[in-house]
């Protein structure tokens, strides 16, 4: 699972809750569009949780929700 969000507190909290619910879950966190996009394209993720208004990623031609993980992309609310 990959979380991409520039709101560090939200991303860290979500990752912590997910890890508490399932300690075996592999959760990666990126705090900016560039590193998030690199992770999304470099590895196979079942789920990508991405801030769709993230600066620099919303208009990226190879956005993770178009080409990424082969799994689902969930925008946090």
C-alpha atoms as a PDB file:
ATOM      1  CA  UNK A   1       0.000   0.000   0.000  1.00  0.00           C
ATOM      2  CA  UNK A   2       1.209   3.480  -0.826  1.00  0.00           C
ATOM      3  CA  UNK A   3       0.020   6.738   0.747  1.00  0.00           C
ATOM      4  CA  UNK A   4       0.857   9.963  -1.099  1.00  0.00           C
ATOM      5  CA  UNK A   5      -0.110  13.108   0.789  1.00  0.00           C
ATOM      6  CA  UNK A   6       1.639  16.412   1.438  1.00  0.00           C
ATOM      7  CA  UNK A   7      -0.136  16.724   4.789  1.00  0.00           C
ATOM      8  CA  UNK A   8       2.475  14.850   6.814  1.00  0.00           C
ATOM      9  CA  UNK A   9       0.347  14.461   9.942  1.00  0.00           C
ATOM     10  CA  UNK A  10      -2.523  12.918   7.984  1.00  0.00           C
ATOM     11  CA  UNK A  11      -0.256  10.557   6.081  1.00  0.00           C
ATOM     12  CA  UNK A  12       1.601   9.427   9.203  1.00  0.00           C
ATOM     13  CA  UNK A  13      -1.623   8.931  11.158  1.00  0.00           C
ATOM     14  CA  UNK A  14      -3.269   6.935   8.368  1.00  0.00           C
ATOM     15  CA  UNK A  15      -0.179   4.746   7.982  1.00  0.00           C
ATOM     16  CA  UNK A  16      -0.043   4.154  11.741  1.00  0.00           C
ATOM     17  CA  UNK A  17      -3.717   3.164  11.916  1.00  0.00           C
ATOM     18  CA  UNK A  18      -3.328   0.788   8.979  1.00  0.00           C
ATOM     19  CA  UNK A  19      -0.241  -0.803  10.543  1.00  0.00           C
ATOM     20  CA  UNK A  20      -2.029  -1.181  13.883  1.00  0.00           C
ATOM     21  CA  UNK A  21      -4.952  -2.922  12.206  1.00  0.00           C
ATOM     22  CA  UNK A  22      -2.647  -5.215  10.260  1.00  0.00           C
ATOM     23  CA  UNK A  23       0.991  -5.340  11.448  1.00  0.00           C
ATOM     24  CA  UNK A  24       1.979  -7.411   8.412  1.00  0.00           C
ATOM     25  CA  UNK A  25       0.733  -4.760   5.978  1.00  0.00           C
ATOM     26  CA  UNK A  26       3.500  -3.098   4.001  1.00  0.00           C
ATOM     27  CA  UNK A  27       2.725   0.641   3.956  1.00  0.00           C
ATOM     28  CA  UNK A  28       4.907   3.174   2.190  1.00  0.00           C
ATOM     29  CA  UNK A  29       4.413   6.916   2.602  1.00  0.00           C
ATOM     30  CA  UNK A  30       5.471   9.753   0.316  1.00  0.00           C
ATOM     31  CA  UNK A  31       5.019  13.396   1.267  1.00  0.00           C
ATOM     32  CA  UNK A  32       5.266  14.968  -2.162  1.00  0.00           C
ATOM     33  CA  UNK A  33       4.116  14.244  -5.675  1.00  0.00           C
ATOM     34  CA  UNK A  34       7.528  13.591  -7.155  1.00  0.00           C
ATOM     35  CA  UNK A  35       8.610  10.917  -4.677  1.00  0.00           C
ATOM     36  CA  UNK A  36       5.099   9.446  -4.585  1.00  0.00           C
ATOM     37  CA  UNK A  37       5.008   9.145  -8.341  1.00  0.00           C
ATOM     38  CA  UNK A  38       8.441   7.501  -8.341  1.00  0.00           C
ATOM     39  CA  UNK A  39       7.314   4.930  -5.748  1.00  0.00           C
ATOM     40  CA  UNK A  40       4.036   4.278  -7.550  1.00  0.00           C
ATOM     41  CA  UNK A  41       5.810   3.586 -10.818  1.00  0.00           C
ATOM     42  CA  UNK A  42       8.727   1.639  -9.307  1.00  0.00           C
ATOM     43  CA  UNK A  43       6.763  -0.903  -7.292  1.00  0.00           C
ATOM     44  CA  UNK A  44       3.557  -2.894  -7.538  1.00  0.00           C
ATOM     45  CA  UNK A  45       1.026  -1.679  -4.955  1.00  0.00           C
ATOM     46  CA  UNK A  46      -2.401  -3.195  -4.418  1.00  0.00           C
ATOM     47  CA  UNK A  47      -3.778   0.151  -3.249  1.00  0.00           C
ATOM     48  CA  UNK A  48      -2.574   3.728  -3.650  1.00  0.00           C
ATOM     49  CA  UNK A  49      -4.130   6.396  -1.438  1.00  0.00           C
ATOM     50  CA  UNK A  50      -3.289   9.693  -3.101  1.00  0.00           C
ATOM     51  CA  UNK A  51      -4.183  13.306  -2.517  1.00  0.00           C
ATOM     52  CA  UNK A  52      -5.599  14.203  -5.932  1.00  0.00           C
ATOM     53  CA  UNK A  53      -4.869  17.898  -5.331  1.00  0.00           C
ATOM     54  CA  UNK A  54      -1.235  17.275  -4.540  1.00  0.00           C
ATOM     55  CA  UNK A  55       0.927  19.982  -6.128  1.00  0.00           C
ATOM     56  CA  UNK A  56       2.804  18.646  -9.136  1.00  0.00           C
ATOM     57  CA  UNK A  57       0.979  15.336  -9.344  1.00  0.00           C
ATOM     58  CA  UNK A  58      -2.573  16.216 -10.350  1.00  0.00           C
ATOM     59  CA  UNK A  59      -1.487  17.090 -13.876  1.00  0.00           C
ATOM     60  CA  UNK A  60       1.435  14.681 -14.208  1.00  0.00           C
ATOM     61  CA  UNK A  61       1.231  12.772 -17.511  1.00  0.00           C
ATOM     62  CA  UNK A  62       2.064   9.464 -15.776  1.00  0.00           C
ATOM     63  CA  UNK A  63      -0.015   9.878 -12.636  1.00  0.00           C
ATOM     64  CA  UNK A  64      -0.193   6.805 -10.392  1.00  0.00           C
ATOM     65  CA  UNK A  65      -3.947   6.519 -10.786  1.00  0.00           C
ATOM     66  CA  UNK A  66      -3.444   6.153 -14.550  1.00  0.00           C
ATOM     67  CA  UNK A  67      -0.391   3.890 -14.694  1.00  0.00           C
ATOM     68  CA  UNK A  68       0.542   2.965 -11.138  1.00  0.00           C
ATOM     69  CA  UNK A  69       0.014  -0.049  -9.090  1.00  0.00           C
ATOM     70  CA  UNK A  70      -2.423  -2.127 -11.050  1.00  0.00           C
ATOM     71  CA  UNK A  71      -4.616  -1.939  -7.954  1.00  0.00           C
ATOM     72  CA  UNK A  72      -7.059   0.609  -6.692  1.00  0.00           C
ATOM     73  CA  UNK A  73      -6.453   4.298  -6.140  1.00  0.00           C
ATOM     74  CA  UNK A  74      -8.361   5.913  -3.274  1.00  0.00           C
ATOM     75  CA  UNK A  75      -8.389   9.695  -2.761  1.00  0.00           C
ATOM     76  CA  UNK A  76      -8.487  10.593   0.948  1.00  0.00           C
ATOM     77  CA  UNK A  77     -11.295  12.937   1.946  1.00  0.00           C
END
